[in-house]
PDB file of N, CA and C in Angstrom:
ATOM      1  N   MET A   1      -5.022 -13.341 -13.362  1.00  0.00           N
ATOM      2  CA  MET A   1      -3.972 -12.804 -12.213  1.00  0.00           C
ATOM      3  C   MET A   1      -4.103 -12.431 -11.267  1.00  0.00           C
ATOM      4  N   ARG A   2      -3.244 -13.246 -10.904  1.00  0.00           N
ATOM      5  CA  ARG A   2      -3.660 -13.964  -8.386  1.00  0.00           C
ATOM      6  C   ARG A   2      -2.743 -12.518  -8.142  1.00  0.00           C
ATOM      7  N   GLY A   3      -4.224 -12.132  -7.261  1.00  0.00           N
ATOM      8  CA  GLY A   3      -3.902 -10.953  -6.603  1.00  0.00           C
ATOM      9  C   GLY A   3      -1.990 -10.530  -6.278  1.00  0.00           C
ATOM     10  N   ILE A   4      -1.648  -9.352  -6.039  1.00  0.00           N
ATOM     11  CA  ILE A   4      -0.706  -8.383  -6.122  1.00  0.00           C
ATOM     12  C   ILE A   4      -0.767  -7.675  -4.327  1.00  0.00           C
ATOM     13  N   PHE A   5      -0.226  -8.215  -3.887  1.00  0.00           N
ATOM     14  CA  PHE A   5      -0.369  -6.773  -2.200  1.00  0.00           C
ATOM     15  C   PHE A   5       0.820  -6.981  -1.453  1.00  0.00           C
ATOM     16  N   ILE A   6       0.787  -5.476  -0.542  1.00  0.00           N
ATOM     17  CA  ILE A   6       2.208  -5.099  -0.296  1.00  0.00           C
ATOM     18  C   ILE A   6       2.346  -6.517   1.583  1.00  0.00           C
ATOM     19  N   LYS A   7       3.325  -7.116   1.045  1.00  0.00           N
ATOM     20  CA  LYS A   7       3.816  -7.311   2.146  1.00  0.00           C
ATOM     21  C   LYS A   7       4.100  -7.375   3.198  1.00  0.00           C
ATOM     22  N   GLU A   8       4.307  -8.379   4.007  1.00  0.00           N
ATOM     23  CA  GLU A   8       4.788  -7.875   5.681  1.00  0.00           C
ATOM     24  C   GLU A   8       5.073  -6.701   5.826  1.00  0.00           C
ATOM     25  N   LYS A   9       6.634  -6.855   5.280  1.00  0.00           N
ATOM     26  CA  LYS A   9       7.464  -6.079   5.849  1.00  0.00           C
ATOM     27  C   LYS A   9       8.249  -5.025   4.543  1.00  0.00           C
ATOM     28  N   GLN A  10       6.932  -4.984   3.588  1.00  0.00           N
ATOM     29  CA  GLN A  10       6.937  -3.561   3.112  1.00  0.00           C
ATOM     30  C   GLN A  10       5.567  -2.879   4.341  1.00  0.00           C
ATOM     31  N   VAL A  11       4.603  -3.190   4.491  1.00  0.00           N
ATOM     32  CA  VAL A  11       3.723  -2.873   5.619  1.00  0.00           C
ATOM     33  C   VAL A  11       3.765  -2.097   5.936  1.00  0.00           C
ATOM     34  N   ALA A  12       4.854  -2.694   7.349  1.00  0.00           N
ATOM     35  CA  ALA A  12       5.765  -2.108   7.840  1.00  0.00           C
ATOM     36  C   ALA A  12       7.681  -1.068   8.163  1.00  0.00           C
ATOM     37  N   ASP A  13       7.441  -0.610   6.693  1.00  0.00           N
ATOM     38  CA  ASP A  13       7.506   0.471   5.876  1.00  0.00           C
ATOM     39  C   ASP A  13       7.840   0.795   5.817  1.00  0.00           C
ATOM     40  N   ILE A  14       6.525   1.009   4.983  1.00  0.00           N
ATOM     41  CA  ILE A  14       5.207   2.052   5.024  1.00  0.00           C
ATOM     42  C   ILE A  14       4.670   2.176   6.542  1.00  0.00           C
ATOM     43  N   ARG A  15       4.967   2.331   6.781  1.00  0.00           N
ATOM     44  CA  ARG A  15       4.241   2.137   8.395  1.00  0.00           C
ATOM     45  C   ARG A  15       5.344   3.454   8.976  1.00  0.00           C
ATOM     46  N   ASN A  16       6.172   3.466   8.444  1.00  0.00           N
ATOM     47  CA  ASN A  16       7.286   3.682   9.045  1.00  0.00           C
ATOM     48  C   ASN A  16       7.675   5.660   8.450  1.00  0.00           C
ATOM     49  N   ILE A  17       7.199   5.194   7.489  1.00  0.00           N
ATOM     50  CA  ILE A  17       7.519   6.013   6.603  1.00  0.00           C
ATOM     51  C   ILE A  17       6.544   7.253   6.681  1.00  0.00           C
ATOM     52  N   ILE A  18       5.027   6.242   6.612  1.00  0.00           N
ATOM     53  CA  ILE A  18       4.071   7.570   7.081  1.00  0.00           C
ATOM     54  C   ILE A  18       4.343   8.252   7.970  1.00  0.00           C
ATOM     55  N   LEU A  19       4.541   7.677   9.870  1.00  0.00           N
ATOM     56  CA  LEU A  19       4.742   7.712  10.714  1.00  0.00           C
ATOM     57  C   LEU A  19       5.200   8.967  10.624  1.00  0.00           C
ATOM     58  N   ASN A  20       6.648   8.768  10.616  1.00  0.00           N
ATOM     59  CA  ASN A  20       8.171   9.746   9.776  1.00  0.00           C
ATOM     60  C   ASN A  20       7.279  10.911   9.852  1.00  0.00           C
ATOM     61  N   SER A  21       6.538  11.509   8.787  1.00  0.00           N
ATOM     62  CA  SER A  21       6.101  12.341   7.833  1.00  0.00           C
ATOM     63  C   SER A  21       5.522  12.851   8.628  1.00  0.00           C
ATOM     64  N   GLY A  22       4.775  13.149   9.765  1.00  0.00           N
ATOM     65  CA  GLY A  22       4.967  14.299  10.830  1.00  0.00           C
ATOM     66  C   GLY A  22       3.339  14.560  10.309  1.00  0.00           C
ATOM     67  N   TYR A  23       2.279  13.177  10.261  1.00  0.00           N
ATOM     68  CA  TYR A  23       1.337  13.549  10.513  1.00  0.00           C
ATOM     69  C   TYR A  23       0.231  13.162  11.664  1.00  0.00           C
ATOM     70  N   GLU A  24      -0.878  12.424  11.870  1.00  0.00           N
ATOM     71  CA  GLU A  24      -1.250  11.728  13.371  1.00  0.00           C
ATOM     72  C   GLU A  24      -2.742  10.672  12.084  1.00  0.00           C
ATOM     73  N   PHE A  25      -1.785   9.268  12.259  1.00  0.00           N
ATOM     74  CA  PHE A  25      -2.617   8.503  11.485  1.00  0.00           C
ATOM     75  C   PHE A  25      -2.758   7.678  13.430  1.00  0.00           C
ATOM     76  N   THR A  26      -4.567   6.648  12.845  1.00  0.00           N
ATOM     77  CA  THR A  26      -4.495   6.066  13.736  1.00  0.00           C
ATOM     78  C   THR A  26      -4.512   4.778  12.827  1.00  0.00           C
ATOM     79  N   GLU A  27      -4.211   3.724  13.762  1.00  0.00           N
ATOM     80  CA  GLU A  27      -4.190   2.371  12.947  1.00  0.00           C
ATOM     81  C   GLU A  27      -5.918   2.811  11.229  1.00  0.00           C
ATOM     82  N   GLU A  28      -7.151   2.457  12.301  1.00  0.00           N
ATOM     83  CA  GLU A  28      -7.519   2.073  11.064  1.00  0.00           C
ATOM     84  C   GLU A  28      -6.849   3.392   9.730  1.00  0.00           C
ATOM     85  N   GLU A  29      -7.271   4.174   9.818  1.00  0.00           N
ATOM     86  CA  GLU A  29      -6.339   5.365   8.211  1.00  0.00           C
ATOM     87  C   GLU A  29      -5.317   4.568   7.855  1.00  0.00           C
ATOM     88  N   LEU A  30      -4.529   3.729   9.163  1.00  0.00           N
ATOM     89  CA  LEU A  30      -3.065   3.386   8.230  1.00  0.00           C
ATOM     90  C   LEU A  30      -3.620   2.062   7.549  1.00  0.00           C
ATOM     91  N   LYS A  31      -4.587   1.308   7.369  1.00  0.00           N
ATOM     92  CA  LYS A  31      -4.529   0.063   7.127  1.00  0.00           C
ATOM     93  C   LYS A  31      -5.553   0.652   5.625  1.00  0.00           C
ATOM     94  N   GLN A  32      -6.487   1.897   6.148  1.00  0.00           N
ATOM     95  CA  GLN A  32      -6.928   1.955   4.599  1.00  0.00           C
ATOM     96  C   GLN A  32      -5.788   2.402   3.471  1.00  0.00           C
ATOM     97  N   VAL A  33      -4.997   3.123   4.011  1.00  0.00           N
ATOM     98  CA  VAL A  33      -3.830   3.843   3.264  1.00  0.00           C
ATOM     99  C   VAL A  33      -3.077   2.156   2.585  1.00  0.00           C
ATOM    100  N   ILE A  34      -3.617   1.428   3.813  1.00  0.00           N
ATOM    101  CA  ILE A  34      -2.413   0.211   2.019  1.00  0.00           C
ATOM    102  C   ILE A  34      -3.233  -1.185   1.920  1.00  0.00           C
ATOM    103  N   ILE A  35      -4.829  -0.161   2.285  1.00  0.00           N
ATOM    104  CA  ILE A  35      -5.263  -0.860   0.625  1.00  0.00           C
ATOM    105  C   ILE A  35      -5.216  -0.602   0.075  1.00  0.00           C
ATOM    106  N   ILE A  36      -5.598   1.079  -0.191  1.00  0.00           N
ATOM    107  CA  ILE A  36      -5.670   1.774  -1.364  1.00  0.00           C
ATOM    108  C   ILE A  36      -3.820   1.504  -2.207  1.00  0.00           C
ATOM    109  N   LEU A  37      -3.409   1.730  -0.618  1.00  0.00           N
ATOM    110  CA  LEU A  37      -2.194   0.789  -2.312  1.00  0.00           C
ATOM    111  C   LEU A  37      -2.241  -0.247  -2.763  1.00  0.00           C
ATOM    112  N   ASN A  38      -2.329  -1.145  -2.155  1.00  0.00           N
ATOM    113  CA  ASN A  38      -2.791  -2.376  -2.266  1.00  0.00           C
ATOM    114  C   ASN A  38      -3.739  -2.418  -4.356  1.00  0.00           C
ATOM    115  N   ALA A  39      -4.673  -1.669  -3.801  1.00  0.00           N
ATOM    116  CA  ALA A  39      -5.112  -1.451  -5.701  1.00  0.00           C
ATOM    117  C   ALA A  39      -4.489  -0.812  -6.269  1.00  0.00           C
ATOM    118  N   ILE A  40      -3.790   0.986  -6.390  1.00  0.00           N
ATOM    119  CA  ILE A  40      -2.886   0.838  -6.967  1.00  0.00           C
ATOM    120  C   ILE A  40      -2.132   0.563  -7.139  1.00  0.00           C
ATOM    121  N   ILE A  41      -0.798  -0.512  -6.504  1.00  0.00           N
ATOM    122  CA  ILE A  41      -0.470  -1.365  -7.440  1.00  0.00           C
ATOM    123  C   ILE A  41      -0.998  -2.946  -8.294  1.00  0.00           C
ATOM    124  N   ARG A  42      -2.184  -3.256  -7.496  1.00  0.00           N
ATOM    125  CA  ARG A  42      -2.961  -4.407  -8.365  1.00  0.00           C
ATOM    126  C   ARG A  42      -2.973  -3.534 -10.342  1.00  0.00           C
ATOM    127  N   LEU A  43      -3.994  -1.598  -9.844  1.00  0.00           N
ATOM    128  CA  LEU A  43      -3.948  -1.665 -11.039  1.00  0.00           C
ATOM    129  C   LEU A  43      -3.428  -1.070 -11.935  1.00  0.00           C
ATOM    130  N   VAL A  44      -1.678  -0.363 -11.525  1.00  0.00           N
ATOM    131  CA  VAL A  44      -0.654  -0.104 -12.442  1.00  0.00           C
ATOM    132  C   VAL A  44       0.268  -1.162 -12.806  1.00  0.00           C
ATOM    133  N   ILE A  45       0.019  -2.891 -12.817  1.00  0.00           N
ATOM    134  CA  ILE A  45       1.031  -3.819 -12.921  1.00  0.00           C
ATOM    135  C   ILE A  45       0.332  -4.533 -13.855  1.00  0.00           C
ATOM    136  N   LYS A  46      -1.927  -5.171 -13.675  1.00  0.00           N
ATOM    137  CA  LYS A  46      -2.980  -4.286 -14.328  1.00  0.00           C
ATOM    138  C   LYS A  46      -2.481  -4.152 -15.964  1.00  0.00           C
ATOM    139  N   GLU A  47      -1.596  -2.635 -15.907  1.00  0.00           N
ATOM    140  CA  GLU A  47      -2.306  -2.374 -16.908  1.00  0.00           C
ATOM    141  C   GLU A  47      -0.600  -2.168 -17.659  1.00  0.00           C
ATOM    142  N   PHE A  48       0.275  -2.619 -16.893  1.00  0.00           N
ATOM    143  CA  PHE A  48       1.621  -2.893 -18.120  1.00  0.00           C
ATOM    144  C   PHE A  48       1.792  -4.170 -17.996  1.00  0.00           C
ATOM    145  N   LEU A  49       1.415  -5.012 -18.104  1.00  0.00           N
ATOM    146  CA  LEU A  49       0.311  -6.232 -18.756  1.00  0.00           C
ATOM    147  C   LEU A  49      -0.186  -6.307 -20.126  1.00  0.00           C
ATOM    148  N   ASN A  50      -1.080  -5.226 -20.073  1.00  0.00           N
ATOM    149  CA  ASN A  50      -1.957  -5.888 -20.957  1.00  0.00           C
ATOM    150  C   ASN A  50      -1.249  -4.616 -22.034  1.00  0.00           C
ATOM    151  N   HIS A  51      -0.405  -3.700 -22.223  1.00  0.00           N
ATOM    152  CA  HIS A  51       0.164  -3.032 -22.911  1.00  0.00           C
ATOM    153  C   HIS A  51       1.275  -3.605 -23.446  1.00  0.00           C
TER     154      HIS A  51
END
């Protein structure tokens, strides 16, 4: 299975949601959130395909 990655537009949407949440995030923290979301999406898809 090829990697599943969040597309650039989705990153912008996620960033806007996070920034509008009222919490303060650094650019590095935001990158870490995106990495975690990518990992979660890959695991969910992998689990879905295995069942």
